[in-house]
Amino acid sequence: YTIGWFRQAPGKEREGVSCIVSSDGST
């Protein structure tokens, strides 16, 4: 899997913060 951290602030759209490919560690 690729795992990501996303965030959503009040009144704002959800945004992708940071992601990592678990198999090879690319970010």
PDB file of all heavy atoms in Angstrom:
ATOM      1  N   TYR A   1       0.803  -1.209   0.000  1.00  0.00           N
ATOM      2  CA  TYR A   1       0.000   0.000   0.000  1.00  0.00           C
ATOM      3  C   TYR A   1       0.839   1.263   0.000  1.00  0.00           C
ATOM      4  O   TYR A   1       1.983   1.269   0.455  1.00  0.00           O
ATOM      5  CB  TYR A   1      -0.906   0.018   1.237  1.00  0.00           C
ATOM      6  CG  TYR A   1      -2.030  -0.968   1.175  1.00  0.00           C
ATOM      7  CD1 TYR A   1      -1.834  -2.299   1.493  1.00  0.00           C
ATOM      8  CD2 TYR A   1      -3.307  -0.562   0.780  1.00  0.00           C
ATOM      9  CE1 TYR A   1      -2.869  -3.211   1.419  1.00  0.00           C
ATOM     10  CE2 TYR A   1      -4.344  -1.471   0.714  1.00  0.00           C
ATOM     11  CZ  TYR A   1      -4.111  -2.782   1.031  1.00  0.00           C
ATOM     12  OH  TYR A   1      -5.145  -3.680   0.955  1.00  0.00           O
ATOM     13  N   THR A   2       0.244   2.305  -0.505  1.00  0.00           N
ATOM     14  CA  THR A   2       0.724   3.657  -0.284  1.00  0.00           C
ATOM     15  C   THR A   2      -0.110   4.228   0.858  1.00  0.00           C
ATOM     16  O   THR A   2      -1.335   4.148   0.837  1.00  0.00           O
ATOM     17  CB  THR A   2       0.561   4.522  -1.540  1.00  0.00           C
ATOM     18  OG1 THR A   2       1.415   4.004  -2.576  1.00  0.00           O
ATOM     19  CG2 THR A   2       0.942   5.967  -1.249  1.00  0.00           C
ATOM     20  N   ILE A   3       0.585   4.779   1.852  1.00  0.00           N
ATOM     21  CA  ILE A   3      -0.103   5.308   3.020  1.00  0.00           C
ATOM     22  C   ILE A   3       0.110   6.815   3.042  1.00  0.00           C
ATOM     23  O   ILE A   3       1.215   7.309   2.807  1.00  0.00           O
ATOM     24  CB  ILE A   3       0.448   4.697   4.320  1.00  0.00           C
ATOM     25  CG1 ILE A   3       0.204   3.191   4.326  1.00  0.00           C
ATOM     26  CG2 ILE A   3      -0.261   5.299   5.526  1.00  0.00           C
ATOM     27  CD1 ILE A   3       1.181   2.364   3.633  1.00  0.00           C
ATOM     28  N   GLY A   4      -0.960   7.502   3.332  1.00  0.00           N
ATOM     29  CA  GLY A   4      -0.871   8.957   3.337  1.00  0.00           C
ATOM     30  C   GLY A   4      -1.470   9.581   4.571  1.00  0.00           C
ATOM     31  O   GLY A   4      -2.388   9.032   5.181  1.00  0.00           O
ATOM     32  N   TRP A   5      -0.936  10.721   4.904  1.00  0.00           N
ATOM     33  CA  TRP A   5      -1.529  11.588   5.926  1.00  0.00           C
ATOM     34  C   TRP A   5      -2.202  12.746   5.194  1.00  0.00           C
ATOM     35  O   TRP A   5      -1.573  13.433   4.385  1.00  0.00           O
ATOM     36  CB  TRP A   5      -0.485  12.120   6.892  1.00  0.00           C
ATOM     37  CG  TRP A   5       0.001  11.086   7.854  1.00  0.00           C
ATOM     38  CD1 TRP A   5       1.141  10.324   7.773  1.00  0.00           C
ATOM     39  CD2 TRP A   5      -0.641  10.672   9.065  1.00  0.00           C
ATOM     40  NE1 TRP A   5       1.240   9.486   8.847  1.00  0.00           N
ATOM     41  CE2 TRP A   5       0.154   9.688   9.666  1.00  0.00           C
ATOM     42  CE3 TRP A   5      -1.814  11.061   9.718  1.00  0.00           C
ATOM     43  CZ2 TRP A   5      -0.179   9.069  10.876  1.00  0.00           C
ATOM     44  CZ3 TRP A   5      -2.147  10.456  10.916  1.00  0.00           C
ATOM     45  CH2 TRP A   5      -1.330   9.463  11.479  1.00  0.00           C
ATOM     46  N   PHE A   6      -3.466  12.914   5.476  1.00  0.00           N
ATOM     47  CA  PHE A   6      -4.253  14.000   4.918  1.00  0.00           C
ATOM     48  C   PHE A   6      -4.786  14.824   6.076  1.00  0.00           C
ATOM     49  O   PHE A   6      -4.900  14.332   7.203  1.00  0.00           O
ATOM     50  CB  PHE A   6      -5.417  13.440   4.091  1.00  0.00           C
ATOM     51  CG  PHE A   6      -4.974  12.707   2.848  1.00  0.00           C
ATOM     52  CD1 PHE A   6      -4.366  11.458   2.943  1.00  0.00           C
ATOM     53  CD2 PHE A   6      -5.169  13.257   1.594  1.00  0.00           C
ATOM     54  CE1 PHE A   6      -3.951  10.770   1.805  1.00  0.00           C
ATOM     55  CE2 PHE A   6      -4.766  12.583   0.455  1.00  0.00           C
ATOM     56  CZ  PHE A   6      -4.153  11.343   0.561  1.00  0.00           C
ATOM     57  N   ARG A   7      -5.129  16.058   5.820  1.00  0.00           N
ATOM     58  CA  ARG A   7      -5.678  16.890   6.888  1.00  0.00           C
ATOM     59  C   ARG A   7      -6.819  17.732   6.363  1.00  0.00           C
ATOM     60  O   ARG A   7      -6.880  18.043   5.163  1.00  0.00           O
ATOM     61  CB  ARG A   7      -4.596  17.783   7.499  1.00  0.00           C
ATOM     62  CG  ARG A   7      -4.053  18.860   6.573  1.00  0.00           C
ATOM     63  CD  ARG A   7      -2.898  19.597   7.249  1.00  0.00           C
ATOM     64  NE  ARG A   7      -2.350  20.655   6.393  1.00  0.00           N
ATOM     65  CZ  ARG A   7      -1.272  21.361   6.697  1.00  0.00           C
ATOM     66  NH1 ARG A   7      -0.606  21.116   7.841  1.00  0.00           N
ATOM     67  NH2 ARG A   7      -0.827  22.290   5.869  1.00  0.00           N
ATOM     68  N   GLN A   8      -7.694  18.083   7.277  1.00  0.00           N
ATOM     69  CA  GLN A   8      -8.812  18.955   6.937  1.00  0.00           C
ATOM     70  C   GLN A   8      -9.028  19.949   8.059  1.00  0.00           C
ATOM     71  O   GLN A   8      -9.303  19.564   9.201  1.00  0.00           O
ATOM     72  CB  GLN A   8     -10.087  18.155   6.684  1.00  0.00           C
ATOM     73  CG  GLN A   8     -11.221  18.995   6.143  1.00  0.00           C
ATOM     74  CD  GLN A   8     -12.321  18.163   5.526  1.00  0.00           C
ATOM     75  OE1 GLN A   8     -12.493  16.988   5.825  1.00  0.00           O
ATOM     76  NE2 GLN A   8     -13.095  18.783   4.626  1.00  0.00           N
ATOM     77  N   ALA A   9      -8.885  21.215   7.711  1.00  0.00           N
ATOM     78  CA  ALA A   9      -9.134  22.292   8.655  1.00  0.00           C
ATOM     79  C   ALA A   9     -10.568  22.778   8.477  1.00  0.00           C
ATOM     80  O   ALA A   9     -11.164  22.596   7.408  1.00  0.00           O
ATOM     81  CB  ALA A   9      -8.146  23.434   8.408  1.00  0.00           C
ATOM     82  N   PRO A  10     -11.116  23.393   9.518  1.00  0.00           N
ATOM     83  CA  PRO A  10     -12.501  23.895   9.412  1.00  0.00           C
ATOM     84  C   PRO A  10     -12.689  24.805   8.215  1.00  0.00           C
ATOM     85  O   PRO A  10     -11.900  25.737   8.006  1.00  0.00           O
ATOM     86  CB  PRO A  10     -12.689  24.644  10.727  1.00  0.00           C
ATOM     87  CG  PRO A  10     -11.734  24.013  11.676  1.00  0.00           C
ATOM     88  CD  PRO A  10     -10.538  23.644  10.847  1.00  0.00           C
ATOM     89  N   GLY A  11     -13.689  24.515   7.409  1.00  0.00           N
ATOM     90  CA  GLY A  11     -13.991  25.359   6.258  1.00  0.00           C
ATOM     91  C   GLY A  11     -13.082  25.170   5.062  1.00  0.00           C
ATOM     92  O   GLY A  11     -13.194  25.903   4.077  1.00  0.00           O
ATOM     93  N   LYS A  12     -12.174  24.202   5.144  1.00  0.00           N
ATOM     94  CA  LYS A  12     -11.236  23.975   4.047  1.00  0.00           C
ATOM     95  C   LYS A  12     -11.386  22.560   3.504  1.00  0.00           C
ATOM     96  O   LYS A  12     -11.903  21.678   4.171  1.00  0.00           O
ATOM     97  CB  LYS A  12      -9.797  24.218   4.512  1.00  0.00           C
ATOM     98  CG  LYS A  12      -9.495  25.648   4.888  1.00  0.00           C
ATOM     99  CD  LYS A  12      -8.017  25.848   5.142  1.00  0.00           C
ATOM    100  CE  LYS A  12      -7.696  27.303   5.438  1.00  0.00           C
ATOM    101  NZ  LYS A  12      -6.237  27.516   5.681  1.00  0.00           N
ATOM    102  N   GLU A  13     -10.895  22.378   2.295  1.00  0.00           N
ATOM    103  CA  GLU A  13     -10.921  21.053   1.694  1.00  0.00           C
ATOM    104  C   GLU A  13      -9.828  20.166   2.299  1.00  0.00           C
ATOM    105  O   GLU A  13      -8.819  20.662   2.799  1.00  0.00           O
ATOM    106  CB  GLU A  13     -10.711  21.160   0.182  1.00  0.00           C
ATOM    107  CG  GLU A  13     -11.873  21.806  -0.558  1.00  0.00           C
ATOM    108  CD  GLU A  13     -11.726  21.725  -2.048  1.00  0.00           C
ATOM    109  OE1 GLU A  13     -10.710  21.184  -2.538  1.00  0.00           O
ATOM    110  OE2 GLU A  13     -12.624  22.212  -2.749  1.00  0.00           O
ATOM    111  N   ARG A  14     -10.045  18.858   2.219  1.00  0.00           N
ATOM    112  CA  ARG A  14      -9.038  17.935   2.701  1.00  0.00           C
ATOM    113  C   ARG A  14      -7.831  17.986   1.769  1.00  0.00           C
ATOM    114  O   ARG A  14      -7.990  18.013   0.544  1.00  0.00           O
ATOM    115  CB  ARG A  14      -9.619  16.521   2.736  1.00  0.00           C
ATOM    116  CG  ARG A  14      -8.778  15.531   3.496  1.00  0.00           C
ATOM    117  CD  ARG A  14      -9.569  14.273   3.769  1.00  0.00           C
ATOM    118  NE  ARG A  14     -10.687  14.515   4.652  1.00  0.00           N
ATOM    119  CZ  ARG A  14     -11.528  13.581   5.063  1.00  0.00           C
ATOM    120  NH1 ARG A  14     -11.385  12.340   4.632  1.00  0.00           N
ATOM    121  NH2 ARG A  14     -12.519  13.869   5.875  1.00  0.00           N
ATOM    122  N   GLU A  15      -6.635  18.026   2.329  1.00  0.00           N
ATOM    123  CA  GLU A  15      -5.438  18.091   1.512  1.00  0.00           C
ATOM    124  C   GLU A  15      -4.471  16.970   1.879  1.00  0.00           C
ATOM    125  O   GLU A  15      -4.378  16.560   3.038  1.00  0.00           O
ATOM    126  CB  GLU A  15      -4.727  19.455   1.656  1.00  0.00           C
ATOM    127  CG  GLU A  15      -4.021  19.673   2.945  1.00  0.00           C
ATOM    128  CD  GLU A  15      -3.087  20.887   2.949  1.00  0.00           C
ATOM    129  OE1 GLU A  15      -2.343  21.102   1.967  1.00  0.00           O
ATOM    130  OE2 GLU A  15      -3.082  21.601   3.964  1.00  0.00           O
ATOM    131  N   GLY A  16      -3.768  16.494   0.886  1.00  0.00           N
ATOM    132  CA  GLY A  16      -2.734  15.495   1.103  1.00  0.00           C
ATOM    133  C   GLY A  16      -1.503  16.163   1.677  1.00  0.00           C
ATOM    134  O   GLY A  16      -0.984  17.112   1.091  1.00  0.00           O
ATOM    135  N   VAL A  17      -1.036  15.693   2.812  1.00  0.00           N
ATOM    136  CA  VAL A  17       0.111  16.275   3.492  1.00  0.00           C
ATOM    137  C   VAL A  17       1.389  15.552   3.094  1.00  0.00           C
ATOM    138  O   VAL A  17       2.359  16.163   2.648  1.00  0.00           O
ATOM    139  CB  VAL A  17      -0.083  16.220   5.017  1.00  0.00           C
ATOM    140  CG1 VAL A  17       1.173  16.667   5.735  1.00  0.00           C
ATOM    141  CG2 VAL A  17      -1.284  17.071   5.425  1.00  0.00           C
ATOM    142  N   SER A  18       1.372  14.240   3.261  1.00  0.00           N
ATOM    143  CA  SER A  18       2.573  13.461   2.997  1.00  0.00           C
ATOM    144  C   SER A  18       2.174  12.007   2.782  1.00  0.00           C
ATOM    145  O   SER A  18       1.269  11.513   3.444  1.00  0.00           O
ATOM    146  CB  SER A  18       3.548  13.575   4.178  1.00  0.00           C
ATOM    147  OG  SER A  18       4.815  13.103   3.832  1.00  0.00           O
ATOM    148  N   CYS A  19       2.856  11.345   1.853  1.00  0.00           N
ATOM    149  CA  CYS A  19       2.559   9.956   1.534  1.00  0.00           C
ATOM    150  C   CYS A  19       3.837   9.152   1.401  1.00  0.00           C
ATOM    151  O   CYS A  19       4.895   9.706   1.059  1.00  0.00           O
ATOM    152  CB  CYS A  19       1.750   9.859   0.237  1.00  0.00           C
ATOM    153  SG  CYS A  19       0.064  10.488   0.380  1.00  0.00           S
ATOM    154  N   ILE A  20       3.708   7.836   1.631  1.00  0.00           N
ATOM    155  CA  ILE A  20       4.858   6.951   1.535  1.00  0.00           C
ATOM    156  C   ILE A  20       4.427   5.634   0.899  1.00  0.00           C
ATOM    157  O   ILE A  20       3.361   5.097   1.218  1.00  0.00           O
ATOM    158  CB  ILE A  20       5.502   6.717   2.927  1.00  0.00           C
ATOM    159  CG1 ILE A  20       6.784   5.890   2.816  1.00  0.00           C
ATOM    160  CG2 ILE A  20       4.509   6.065   3.896  1.00  0.00           C
ATOM    161  CD1 ILE A  20       7.610   5.887   4.106  1.00  0.00           C
ATOM    162  N   VAL A  21       5.266   5.139  -0.009  1.00  0.00           N
ATOM    163  CA  VAL A  21       5.050   3.816  -0.575  1.00  0.00           C
ATOM    164  C   VAL A  21       5.724   2.826   0.361  1.00  0.00           C
ATOM    165  O   VAL A  21       6.952   2.854   0.518  1.00  0.00           O
ATOM    166  CB  VAL A  21       5.637   3.707  -1.992  1.00  0.00           C
ATOM    167  CG1 VAL A  21       5.420   2.307  -2.548  1.00  0.00           C
ATOM    168  CG2 VAL A  21       5.021   4.752  -2.907  1.00  0.00           C
ATOM    169  N   SER A  22       4.935   1.995   1.009  1.00  0.00           N
ATOM    170  CA  SER A  22       5.481   1.163   2.070  1.00  0.00           C
ATOM    171  C   SER A  22       6.555   0.193   1.579  1.00  0.00           C
ATOM    172  O   SER A  22       7.506  -0.093   2.287  1.00  0.00           O
ATOM    173  CB  SER A  22       4.339   0.381   2.744  1.00  0.00           C
ATOM    174  OG  SER A  22       4.809  -0.266   3.897  1.00  0.00           O
ATOM    175  N   SER A  23       6.416  -0.309   0.359  1.00  0.00           N
ATOM    176  CA  SER A  23       7.348  -1.336  -0.126  1.00  0.00           C
ATOM    177  C   SER A  23       8.751  -0.793  -0.367  1.00  0.00           C
ATOM    178  O   SER A  23       9.736  -1.497  -0.127  1.00  0.00           O
ATOM    179  CB  SER A  23       6.804  -1.959  -1.401  1.00  0.00           C
ATOM    180  OG  SER A  23       6.601  -0.975  -2.392  1.00  0.00           O
ATOM    181  N   ASP A  24       8.867   0.445  -0.841  1.00  0.00           N
ATOM    182  CA  ASP A  24      10.208   0.952  -1.159  1.00  0.00           C
ATOM    183  C   ASP A  24      10.577   2.228  -0.411  1.00  0.00           C
ATOM    184  O   ASP A  24      11.703   2.729  -0.557  1.00  0.00           O
ATOM    185  CB  ASP A  24      10.372   1.174  -2.667  1.00  0.00           C
ATOM    186  CG  ASP A  24       9.459   2.260  -3.220  1.00  0.00           C
ATOM    187  OD1 ASP A  24       8.851   3.018  -2.428  1.00  0.00           O
ATOM    188  OD2 ASP A  24       9.345   2.353  -4.462  1.00  0.00           O
ATOM    189  N   GLY A  25       9.656   2.769   0.370  1.00  0.00           N
ATOM    190  CA  GLY A  25       9.971   3.929   1.189  1.00  0.00           C
ATOM    191  C   GLY A  25       9.976   5.259   0.466  1.00  0.00           C
ATOM    192  O   GLY A  25      10.313   6.286   1.071  1.00  0.00           O
ATOM    193  N   SER A  26       9.615   5.283  -0.807  1.00  0.00           N
ATOM    194  CA  SER A  26       9.579   6.569  -1.503  1.00  0.00           C
ATOM    195  C   SER A  26       8.476   7.434  -0.921  1.00  0.00           C
ATOM    196  O   SER A  26       7.423   6.939  -0.515  1.00  0.00           O
ATOM    197  CB  SER A  26       9.376   6.369  -2.998  1.00  0.00           C
ATOM    198  OG  SER A  26       8.229   5.601  -3.258  1.00  0.00           O
ATOM    199  N   THR A  27       8.745   8.733  -0.874  1.00  0.00           N
ATOM    200  CA  THR A  27       7.830   9.645  -0.198  1.00  0.00           C
ATOM    201  C   THR A  27       7.506  10.863  -1.046  1.00  0.00           C
ATOM    202  O   THR A  27       8.212  11.201  -1.999  1.00  0.00           O
ATOM    203  CB  THR A  27       8.416  10.133   1.138  1.00  0.00           C
ATOM    204  OG1 THR A  27       9.618  10.882   0.879  1.00  0.00           O
ATOM    205  CG2 THR A  27       8.723   8.968   2.067  1.00  0.00           C
TER     206      THR A  27
END
